[in-house]
Protein backbone atom coordinates (compact mmCIF):
# COMPACT_ATOMS: atom_id res chain seq x y z
CA MET A 1 -15.84 -8.36 -46.16
CA LYS A 2 -16.13 -9.03 -42.43
CA PRO A 3 -18.42 -6.75 -40.37
CA GLU A 4 -15.46 -5.45 -38.32
CA GLU A 5 -13.60 -4.59 -41.53
CA GLU A 6 -16.63 -2.72 -42.81
CA GLU A 7 -16.72 -0.88 -39.50
CA ASP A 8 -13.01 0.03 -39.84
CA ASP A 9 -13.58 1.29 -43.39
CA GLY A 10 -16.53 3.31 -42.21
CA MET A 11 -14.44 4.84 -39.45
CA ARG A 12 -11.75 5.80 -41.96
CA MET A 13 -14.33 7.39 -44.25
CA HIS A 14 -16.16 9.32 -41.57
CA ASN A 15 -13.26 10.01 -39.12
CA PRO A 16 -10.11 10.30 -41.24
CA ARG A 17 -8.17 12.15 -38.52
CA ARG A 18 -9.03 9.53 -35.95
CA ALA A 19 -8.04 6.78 -38.37
CA GLU A 20 -4.74 8.50 -39.14
CA ALA A 21 -4.00 8.88 -35.42
CA ALA A 22 -4.72 5.18 -34.88
CA GLU A 23 -2.37 4.23 -37.68
CA ASP A 24 0.32 6.51 -36.23
CA GLN A 25 -0.01 4.77 -32.87
CA VAL A 26 0.39 1.38 -34.54
CA THR A 27 3.59 2.64 -36.18
CA VAL A 28 4.92 4.02 -32.90
CA ARG A 29 4.18 0.77 -31.06
CA ARG A 30 6.00 -1.15 -33.76
CA GLN A 31 9.00 1.14 -33.41
CA ILE A 32 8.94 0.68 -29.63
CA GLU A 33 9.06 -3.09 -30.15
CA ASP A 34 11.94 -2.70 -32.61
CA LEU A 35 13.89 -0.71 -29.98
CA ALA A 36 13.23 -3.17 -27.13
CA PRO A 37 14.26 -4.03 -24.49
CA TRP A 38 13.43 -0.86 -22.55
CA PHE A 39 14.30 0.12 -18.98
CA HIS A 40 12.56 3.53 -18.87
CA ASN A 41 8.81 3.73 -19.29
CA LEU A 42 8.37 6.87 -21.39
CA HIS A 43 4.96 8.47 -21.87
CA LEU A 44 4.71 9.45 -25.52
CA PRO A 45 2.12 11.54 -27.40
CA GLY A 46 -1.20 9.78 -27.85
CA GLY A 47 -0.89 7.90 -24.57
CA VAL A 48 1.60 5.32 -25.85
CA GLN A 49 4.11 4.02 -23.27
CA THR A 50 7.39 2.20 -23.82
CA LEU A 51 7.23 -0.19 -20.81
CA PRO A 52 3.89 0.16 -19.01
CA ARG A 53 4.34 -3.12 -17.09
CA HIS A 54 7.73 -2.48 -15.54
CA PHE A 55 9.48 -5.29 -13.70
CA LEU A 56 10.38 -2.88 -10.87
CA GLY A 57 6.69 -2.29 -10.28
CA GLY A 58 4.65 0.79 -10.97
CA ASP A 59 5.48 3.46 -13.50
CA PHE A 60 9.28 3.56 -13.45
CA PRO A 61 11.04 5.94 -13.26
CA ASN A 62 8.05 8.28 -13.07
CA PHE A 63 7.26 7.28 -9.49
CA LYS A 64 10.82 8.31 -8.55
CA TRP A 65 10.40 11.61 -10.39
CA GLN A 66 7.22 12.35 -8.44
CA GLU A 67 9.30 12.22 -5.22
CA ILE A 68 12.12 14.31 -6.61
CA LYS A 69 10.44 16.99 -8.70
CA PRO A 70 9.39 19.23 -5.76
CA PHE A 71 13.12 19.66 -5.03
CA VAL A 72 13.99 20.78 -8.57
CA PRO A 73 13.34 24.39 -9.67
CA GLU A 74 10.22 24.67 -11.83
CA ASP A 75 11.95 27.14 -14.14
CA LEU A 76 15.26 25.85 -15.50
CA ARG A 77 15.50 28.28 -18.40
CA GLY A 78 19.16 29.22 -18.86
CA TRP A 79 20.36 26.15 -16.94
CA ARG A 80 22.79 23.65 -18.43
CA VAL A 81 22.14 20.10 -17.18
CA LEU A 82 24.23 16.92 -17.32
CA ASP A 83 22.32 13.63 -17.04
CA VAL A 84 24.86 10.88 -16.28
CA GLY A 85 23.74 7.40 -17.32
CA CYS A 86 20.73 8.90 -19.08
CA ASN A 87 19.40 5.56 -20.38
CA ALA A 88 16.36 6.26 -22.60
CA GLY A 89 16.25 9.86 -21.42
CA PHE A 90 13.33 10.02 -18.98
CA TYR A 91 14.97 12.54 -16.62
CA SER A 92 16.59 14.43 -19.50
CA PHE A 93 13.17 15.03 -20.99
CA GLU A 94 11.56 16.08 -17.71
CA LEU A 95 14.33 18.61 -17.08
CA ALA A 96 14.15 19.87 -20.68
CA ARG A 97 10.41 20.44 -20.24
CA ARG A 98 11.31 22.85 -17.44
CA GLY A 99 13.42 24.82 -19.89
CA ALA A 100 16.90 23.36 -19.39
CA SER A 101 19.47 22.61 -22.07
CA VAL A 102 20.40 18.99 -21.36
CA LEU A 103 23.36 16.79 -22.23
CA GLY A 104 22.61 13.12 -21.59
CA ILE A 105 25.51 10.67 -21.56
CA ASP A 106 25.54 6.88 -21.45
CA VAL A 107 27.86 4.02 -22.39
CA ASP A 108 25.07 1.94 -23.91
CA ALA A 109 24.42 2.66 -27.60
CA HIS A 110 21.11 0.79 -27.42
CA TYR A 111 19.68 3.09 -24.76
CA LEU A 112 20.99 6.15 -26.59
CA ALA A 113 19.19 5.03 -29.75
CA GLN A 114 15.99 4.85 -27.68
CA ALA A 115 16.64 8.30 -26.24
CA ARG A 116 17.25 9.94 -29.62
CA TRP A 117 14.13 8.32 -31.06
CA ALA A 118 12.06 9.43 -28.05
CA ALA A 119 13.40 13.00 -28.32
CA ARG A 120 11.98 13.15 -31.84
CA GLN A 121 8.64 11.78 -30.68
CA LEU A 122 8.46 14.37 -27.89
CA GLY A 123 9.68 17.31 -29.97
CA LEU A 124 12.64 17.95 -27.65
CA GLU A 125 15.53 17.47 -30.08
CA ALA A 126 16.52 21.13 -29.85
CA GLN A 127 16.85 20.99 -26.06
CA VAL A 128 18.44 17.60 -25.47
CA GLU A 129 21.67 16.15 -26.84
CA PHE A 130 22.80 12.56 -26.25
CA ARG A 131 26.38 11.33 -26.40
CA GLU A 132 27.97 7.92 -25.99
CA MET A 133 30.69 8.44 -23.40
CA GLN A 134 32.01 7.31 -20.03
CA VAL A 135 31.70 9.57 -17.01
CA TYR A 136 35.53 9.54 -16.83
CA ASP A 137 35.65 11.14 -20.30
CA LEU A 138 34.52 14.33 -18.61
CA ALA A 139 38.12 14.77 -17.43
CA ARG A 140 38.86 15.86 -21.01
CA GLU A 141 35.91 18.24 -21.11
CA SER A 142 36.03 21.76 -19.68
CA GLU A 143 32.27 22.39 -19.48
CA SER A 144 30.58 22.83 -16.11
CA PHE A 145 26.87 22.40 -15.42
CA ASP A 146 24.27 24.11 -13.28
CA LEU A 147 22.66 20.78 -12.45
CA VAL A 148 24.35 17.38 -12.48
CA TRP A 149 21.92 14.44 -12.45
CA PHE A 150 23.90 11.48 -11.06
CA MET A 151 21.33 8.82 -10.29
CA GLY A 152 21.61 5.05 -10.57
CA VAL A 153 25.22 5.04 -11.76
CA PHE A 154 27.64 5.36 -8.82
CA TYR A 155 27.41 1.71 -7.71
CA HIS A 156 27.99 0.48 -11.28
CA LEU A 157 31.39 2.20 -11.50
CA ARG A 158 34.71 0.48 -10.90
CA TYR A 159 36.21 3.81 -9.81
CA PRO A 160 33.27 5.54 -8.11
CA LEU A 161 35.08 8.25 -6.13
CA LEU A 162 36.98 9.40 -9.19
CA ALA A 163 33.66 9.84 -10.98
CA LEU A 164 32.14 11.67 -8.01
CA ASP A 165 35.13 14.02 -7.79
CA LEU A 166 34.93 14.75 -11.53
CA LEU A 167 31.23 15.55 -11.31
CA ALA A 168 31.46 17.55 -8.09
CA ALA A 169 34.10 19.76 -9.70
CA ARG A 170 31.68 20.44 -12.57
CA THR A 171 28.59 21.11 -10.45
CA GLY A 172 27.68 24.79 -10.46
CA ARG A 173 24.47 24.80 -8.43
CA ILE A 174 22.94 21.39 -7.69
CA MET A 175 23.76 17.70 -7.85
CA MET A 176 20.99 15.10 -7.56
CA PHE A 177 22.71 11.92 -6.38
CA GLN A 178 21.35 8.41 -5.94
CA THR A 179 23.03 5.10 -5.26
CA LEU A 180 22.25 1.59 -4.15
CA THR A 181 22.98 1.43 -0.40
CA MET A 182 23.28 -0.99 2.48
CA PRO A 183 20.34 -1.09 4.90
CA GLY A 184 20.20 1.39 7.77
CA ASP A 185 20.52 5.14 8.38
CA SER A 186 22.74 5.19 11.47
CA VAL A 187 25.68 7.63 11.62
CA TYR A 188 28.63 7.17 13.98
CA GLY A 189 29.09 10.12 16.30
CA ASP A 190 32.73 11.08 15.73
CA THR A 191 34.74 9.91 12.73
CA ALA A 192 37.42 12.61 12.94
CA ASP A 193 40.09 10.03 13.79
CA CYS A 194 40.62 6.39 14.66
CA SER A 195 43.51 4.88 16.57
CA ILE A 196 45.61 2.36 14.65
CA ASP A 197 45.76 0.31 17.86
CA ASP A 198 41.98 0.23 18.31
CA ARG A 199 40.09 0.01 15.05
CA THR A 200 36.89 -1.43 16.50
CA PRO A 201 34.93 1.78 15.67
CA LEU A 202 35.31 0.82 12.00
CA LEU A 203 32.98 -2.10 12.72
CA GLU A 204 30.21 0.09 14.16
CA SER A 205 27.06 0.20 12.02
CA GLY A 206 27.24 3.97 11.57
CA TRP A 207 30.88 4.18 10.54
CA PRO A 208 31.15 5.25 6.87
CA ARG A 209 31.80 2.16 4.78
CA MET A 210 31.15 0.62 1.40
CA ALA A 211 30.62 -3.06 0.65
CA PHE A 212 32.48 -4.40 -2.38
CA ILE A 213 30.49 -6.81 -4.57
CA GLU A 214 32.95 -9.13 -6.27
CA HIS A 215 30.45 -11.15 -8.27
CA ARG A 216 26.77 -10.18 -8.47
CA LEU A 217 23.99 -8.39 -6.66
CA ALA A 218 20.45 -8.92 -8.02
CA ASN A 219 22.14 -11.14 -10.63
CA ASP A 220 23.88 -8.05 -12.05
CA PRO A 221 27.69 -8.27 -12.42
CA THR A 222 27.92 -4.46 -12.88
CA ASN A 223 26.78 -3.80 -9.30
CA TRP A 224 30.18 -3.20 -7.70
CA TRP A 225 29.45 -1.23 -4.53
CA ALA A 226 26.88 -0.71 -1.77
CA PRO A 227 27.81 2.11 0.64
CA ASN A 228 25.93 2.68 3.87
CA HIS A 229 24.12 5.97 4.47
CA ALA A 230 26.98 7.34 6.56
CA GLY A 231 29.39 6.43 3.77
CA VAL A 232 27.31 8.29 1.18
CA GLU A 233 27.25 11.40 3.34
CA ALA A 234 30.99 11.21 4.00
CA MET A 235 31.90 10.71 0.33
CA LEU A 236 29.73 13.61 -0.79
CA ARG A 237 31.33 15.87 1.82
CA SER A 238 34.83 14.76 0.89
CA SER A 239 34.10 15.65 -2.75
CA GLY A 240 33.21 19.21 -1.77
CA LEU A 241 29.43 18.91 -1.57
CA ARG A 242 26.89 19.71 1.12
CA ILE A 243 23.70 17.68 1.46
CA GLU A 244 20.66 19.95 1.46
CA ALA A 245 17.83 17.40 1.40
CA ARG A 246 16.88 13.76 0.91
CA PRO A 247 14.05 13.75 -1.64
CA GLY A 248 13.54 10.00 -1.40
CA HIS A 249 15.09 6.69 -0.40
CA GLU A 250 18.80 6.63 -1.35
CA ILE A 251 18.49 10.08 -3.00
CA TYR A 252 20.54 13.10 -1.93
CA LEU A 253 20.22 16.71 -3.09
CA CYS A 254 23.64 18.40 -2.84
CA VAL A 255 25.15 21.81 -3.47
CA PRO A 256 28.81 22.89 -3.73
CA ASP A 257 30.23 23.80 -0.32
CA ALA A 258 33.09 26.30 -0.31
CA HIS A 259 34.25 25.12 3.11
CA ALA A 260 34.22 21.45 2.09
CA GLN A 261 36.36 22.25 -0.94
CA GLU A 262 39.34 22.30 1.42
CA ALA A 263 38.97 18.53 1.76
CA ARG A 264 39.82 18.16 -1.93
CA ALA A 265 43.33 19.50 -1.33
CA ALA A 266 44.25 16.25 0.46
CA TYR A 267 43.96 14.24 -2.74
CA ARG A 268 44.50 16.94 -5.35
CA SER A 269 47.74 15.48 -6.72
CA GLN A 270 46.14 12.04 -7.16
CA TYR A 271 43.15 13.58 -8.93
CA GLU A 272 45.41 15.54 -11.28
CA SER A 273 47.49 12.46 -12.05
CA ALA A 274 44.42 10.34 -12.80
CA THR A 275 42.63 12.93 -14.93
CA GLY A 276 45.27 15.25 -16.30
CA VAL A 277 43.21 18.15 -14.94
CA GLY A 278 45.50 20.84 -13.55
CA ARG A 279 48.45 19.63 -15.60
CA GLY A 280 48.04 22.06 -18.45
CA SER A 281 44.65 20.71 -19.55
CA GLY A 282 42.31 22.90 -17.53
């Protein structure tokens, strides 16, 4: 027997709990490998992480959460939360730890398998549910949510404003919104109207606009859109939301705005036709 093997046997004999914990970590690491590839770096019991060397740099998405968490109530007991594009569940778990009941949705079965496995590891199965569904499927659901977590999804959607309208209509208290954007924070002074004979204001850097990505951005064919900052603000307002804060780069904290709801009347018939909402379905 090799000296290191004798040492391992001695450790097992004299520290059985420590040995059992070490074996559990080996099992967990093997399960993490079996569920790869990962996009969320989750911190699991015993100090194990799912993707400690993230290609985005740092501890992702924890470094984003550190920016955002001061803007989220510490006590979410009694709150119902929707996490859109939940991936492996990082934000779902953080919100559940604050007491919320969370529904995480995603279109990727692989990420949902990771999320359900991680929920068991973290002991949060009773507080978090994961479903495979499109954001547009919410048109057939009547549930509303205190907090809608809509981060990292908008620019991947072929029909982004439809999704935003669906989610805004289901936001009871707060929406946390994030999207890929074009560079710059300028906002054009007056966008109330534009003459059909002089459309040069539409070319100004601060006019609300959104770039369409026909092929790829960052080698990703699912990146369809990149709005500018003014465009993000305008779209959120037009969906009946008011921006309360900007917790970080490209992140907007919004609340329902009763006055802005009037803007929804201008496209109500289109929304009802696209979703069936208001036509006898809710």
